[in-house]
Amino acid sequence: MKENVASATVFTLLLFLNTCLLNGQLPPGKPEIFKCRSPNKETFTCWWRPGTDGGLPTNYSLTYHREGETLMHECPDYITGGPNSCHFGKQYTSMWRTYIMMVNATNQMGSSFSDELYVDVTYIVQPDPPLELAVEVRQPEDRKPYLWIKWSPPTLIDLKTGWFTLL
C-alpha cells in the first residue's frame, strides 16, 4: 500500500514537471509599480514593470481605491500613458486623497499581485520643463551685472487654473 502511494506521488510530481516546468508554463511573476507622475496636479499616470509571463499570454490590470473607501475601481485609461501604464484624467484625480493601488498579472496558470502603492498626487508633481529658455548677462552703466532669464511655459500646462507654481 505504501509503495502505491509513493508511486502515485512520484507520478503526479513528474506529470506536473512535464506539463508545467518543462513546457515553460508557470503563473506570472510579480509586477512592480515603479513610478507615478503628475505634470499639473490635475491628472496623473502610474507605470509598472511586468514580472515574467510564465511562458503564456498574460493580462495586466491596475485596481485602486481611495483611502477611507472600500470600493475597488479598475484603471480608467490604459492607453494615454503608453504600455504598462494607467492614466487618471481630471475626473478621476482628487487632491489631498491617497490612492491605494496594485497591479494584477493573470495567465492560464494563475495570478500574481504587485505590492500596494500609496499615492498622494501632491507628492508626485513633476511639471514639464519650460520652453525657449534663454539666459543673458546684462550690465547697465554704473550698475552691477545681472542675469536676465526668459522662458515660455510648457505647451501642456494649464496656466488658467493657477496650479502651476514657479519656485
Protein backbone atom coordinates (compact mmCIF):
# COMPACT_ATOMS: atom_id res chain seq x y z
CA MET A 1 0.00 0.00 0.00
CA LYS A 2 2.82 2.44 0.89
CA GLU A 3 4.51 1.67 -2.42
CA ASN A 4 1.32 2.56 -4.33
CA VAL A 5 1.02 5.91 -2.53
CA ALA A 6 4.71 6.67 -3.15
CA SER A 7 4.38 5.69 -6.82
CA ALA A 8 1.28 7.84 -7.24
CA THR A 9 3.06 10.81 -5.61
CA VAL A 10 6.11 10.44 -7.86
CA PHE A 11 3.88 10.05 -10.93
CA THR A 12 1.91 13.20 -10.04
CA LEU A 13 5.10 15.18 -9.47
CA LEU A 14 6.59 14.06 -12.78
CA LEU A 15 3.37 14.87 -14.58
CA PHE A 16 3.41 18.38 -13.09
CA LEU A 17 7.05 18.90 -14.05
CA ASN A 18 6.41 17.68 -17.57
CA THR A 19 3.30 19.74 -18.25
CA CYS A 20 4.31 22.93 -16.46
CA LEU A 21 8.01 23.41 -15.91
CA LEU A 22 9.38 21.70 -19.00
CA ASN A 23 6.92 23.50 -21.25
CA GLY A 24 7.72 26.83 -19.57
CA GLN A 25 4.16 27.35 -18.39
CA LEU A 26 4.04 28.97 -14.97
CA PRO A 27 1.95 31.58 -13.19
CA PRO A 28 3.10 35.13 -13.96
CA GLY A 29 5.84 36.78 -11.93
CA LYS A 30 5.11 39.62 -9.54
CA PRO A 31 4.64 43.01 -11.27
CA GLU A 32 6.02 46.21 -9.72
CA ILE A 33 4.59 49.74 -9.84
CA PHE A 34 7.77 51.80 -10.16
CA LYS A 35 6.68 55.38 -10.89
CA CYS A 36 3.75 57.77 -10.70
CA ARG A 37 3.89 61.33 -12.04
CA SER A 38 1.54 64.29 -12.29
CA PRO A 39 2.55 67.15 -14.59
CA ASN A 40 -0.06 69.54 -13.16
CA LYS A 41 -1.92 68.24 -10.05
CA GLU A 42 -4.98 67.63 -12.23
CA THR A 43 -4.05 64.32 -13.87
CA PHE A 44 -1.51 61.60 -13.17
CA THR A 45 -0.06 58.42 -14.63
CA CYS A 46 1.49 55.36 -12.99
CA TRP A 47 3.77 52.83 -14.72
CA TRP A 48 4.62 49.24 -13.80
CA ARG A 49 7.18 46.62 -14.74
CA PRO A 50 5.58 43.30 -15.60
CA GLY A 51 7.02 40.20 -13.99
CA THR A 52 7.82 37.13 -16.06
CA ASP A 53 4.89 35.96 -18.15
CA GLY A 54 5.30 32.28 -17.27
CA GLY A 55 5.56 31.42 -20.97
CA LEU A 56 1.90 32.25 -21.53
CA PRO A 57 -0.14 35.27 -22.65
CA THR A 58 -0.56 37.44 -19.56
CA ASN A 59 -3.14 40.13 -18.85
CA TYR A 60 -2.41 43.05 -16.51
CA SER A 61 -4.92 45.20 -14.69
CA LEU A 62 -4.43 48.02 -12.21
CA THR A 63 -7.02 48.34 -9.46
CA TYR A 64 -7.27 51.10 -6.87
CA HIS A 65 -9.37 52.60 -4.15
CA ARG A 66 -9.11 55.86 -2.28
CA GLU A 67 -8.14 55.89 1.38
CA GLY A 68 -11.23 55.52 3.55
CA GLU A 69 -13.18 53.74 0.79
CA THR A 70 -13.61 50.02 0.23
CA LEU A 71 -14.97 50.03 -3.33
CA MET A 72 -12.26 48.93 -5.79
CA HIS A 73 -12.02 50.56 -9.23
CA GLU A 74 -10.14 49.48 -12.34
CA CYS A 75 -7.77 51.79 -14.18
CA PRO A 76 -9.78 54.29 -16.23
CA ASP A 77 -7.28 54.60 -19.12
CA TYR A 78 -4.61 52.07 -20.14
CA ILE A 79 -3.75 53.89 -23.40
CA THR A 80 -2.71 57.53 -22.75
CA GLY A 81 0.44 56.73 -20.71
CA GLY A 82 1.75 54.04 -23.08
CA PRO A 83 2.46 50.36 -22.39
CA ASN A 84 2.18 49.09 -18.80
CA SER A 85 0.58 52.26 -17.51
CA CYS A 86 -2.60 53.69 -16.06
CA HIS A 87 -3.65 57.29 -16.65
CA PHE A 88 -6.06 59.14 -14.37
CA GLY A 89 -7.78 62.06 -16.12
CA LYS A 90 -9.23 65.10 -14.37
CA GLN A 91 -12.49 63.35 -13.49
CA TYR A 92 -10.55 60.59 -11.65
CA THR A 93 -8.00 62.77 -9.85
CA SER A 94 -8.65 64.11 -6.35
CA MET A 95 -6.23 66.32 -4.48
CA TRP A 96 -5.49 65.56 -0.85
CA ARG A 97 -6.68 61.96 -1.23
CA THR A 98 -4.44 58.93 -1.07
CA TYR A 99 -4.86 56.32 -3.77
CA ILE A 100 -4.05 52.73 -2.86
CA MET A 101 -3.27 50.72 -5.98
CA MET A 102 -1.87 47.43 -7.17
CA VAL A 103 -1.35 45.57 -10.44
CA ASN A 104 -2.73 42.08 -11.05
CA ALA A 105 -1.00 39.80 -13.59
CA THR A 106 -3.07 36.81 -14.76
CA ASN A 107 -2.44 33.91 -17.13
CA GLN A 108 -3.86 30.38 -17.51
CA MET A 109 -1.70 29.08 -14.66
CA GLY A 110 -2.65 31.68 -12.05
CA SER A 111 -2.28 35.26 -10.83
CA SER A 112 0.29 37.44 -9.14
CA PHE A 113 -0.16 40.84 -7.46
CA SER A 114 2.22 43.76 -7.02
CA ASP A 115 2.74 45.27 -3.60
CA GLU A 116 0.24 48.01 -2.79
CA LEU A 117 1.41 51.51 -3.60
CA TYR A 118 0.08 54.55 -1.73
CA VAL A 119 -0.06 57.65 -3.93
CA ASP A 120 -0.93 61.23 -2.97
CA VAL A 121 -0.96 63.40 -6.10
CA THR A 122 0.51 66.32 -4.15
CA TYR A 123 3.81 64.43 -3.77
CA ILE A 124 4.23 63.20 -7.36
CA VAL A 125 4.01 66.53 -9.21
CA GLN A 126 6.82 66.95 -11.74
CA PRO A 127 5.93 69.79 -14.12
CA ASP A 128 7.14 69.70 -17.69
CA PRO A 129 10.24 71.86 -18.21
CA PRO A 130 9.94 75.41 -19.58
CA LEU A 131 10.46 76.01 -23.31
CA GLU A 132 12.65 78.52 -25.15
CA LEU A 133 14.88 79.10 -22.15
CA ALA A 134 17.29 82.00 -22.71
CA VAL A 135 19.87 83.48 -20.35
CA GLU A 136 21.68 86.78 -20.90
CA VAL A 137 24.25 88.63 -18.83
CA ARG A 138 23.23 92.28 -18.69
CA GLN A 139 25.40 95.08 -17.39
CA PRO A 140 23.86 98.54 -17.35
CA GLU A 141 26.10 101.54 -16.93
CA ASP A 142 27.02 102.29 -13.31
CA ARG A 143 25.35 99.08 -12.03
CA LYS A 144 26.38 95.55 -11.24
CA PRO A 145 25.82 92.89 -13.91
CA TYR A 146 22.84 90.58 -13.58
CA LEU A 147 21.30 87.60 -15.35
CA TRP A 148 18.20 88.07 -17.49
CA ILE A 149 16.25 84.81 -17.84
CA LYS A 150 13.33 84.33 -20.23
CA TRP A 151 11.21 81.27 -20.97
CA SER A 152 7.85 80.10 -22.25
CA PRO A 153 5.58 77.82 -20.24
CA PRO A 154 5.32 74.16 -21.30
CA THR A 155 2.75 73.63 -24.03
CA LEU A 156 0.59 71.26 -21.98
CA ILE A 157 0.39 73.41 -18.86
CA ASP A 158 -2.92 74.99 -17.87
CA LEU A 159 -1.99 78.45 -16.61
CA LYS A 160 -5.64 79.47 -16.21
CA THR A 161 -6.27 77.14 -13.27
CA GLY A 162 -3.42 78.55 -11.21
CA TRP A 163 -1.98 75.14 -10.27
CA PHE A 164 1.45 75.80 -11.72
CA THR A 165 3.93 77.44 -9.36
CA LEU A 166 7.45 78.54 -10.26
CA LEU A 167 9.94 78.25 -7.45
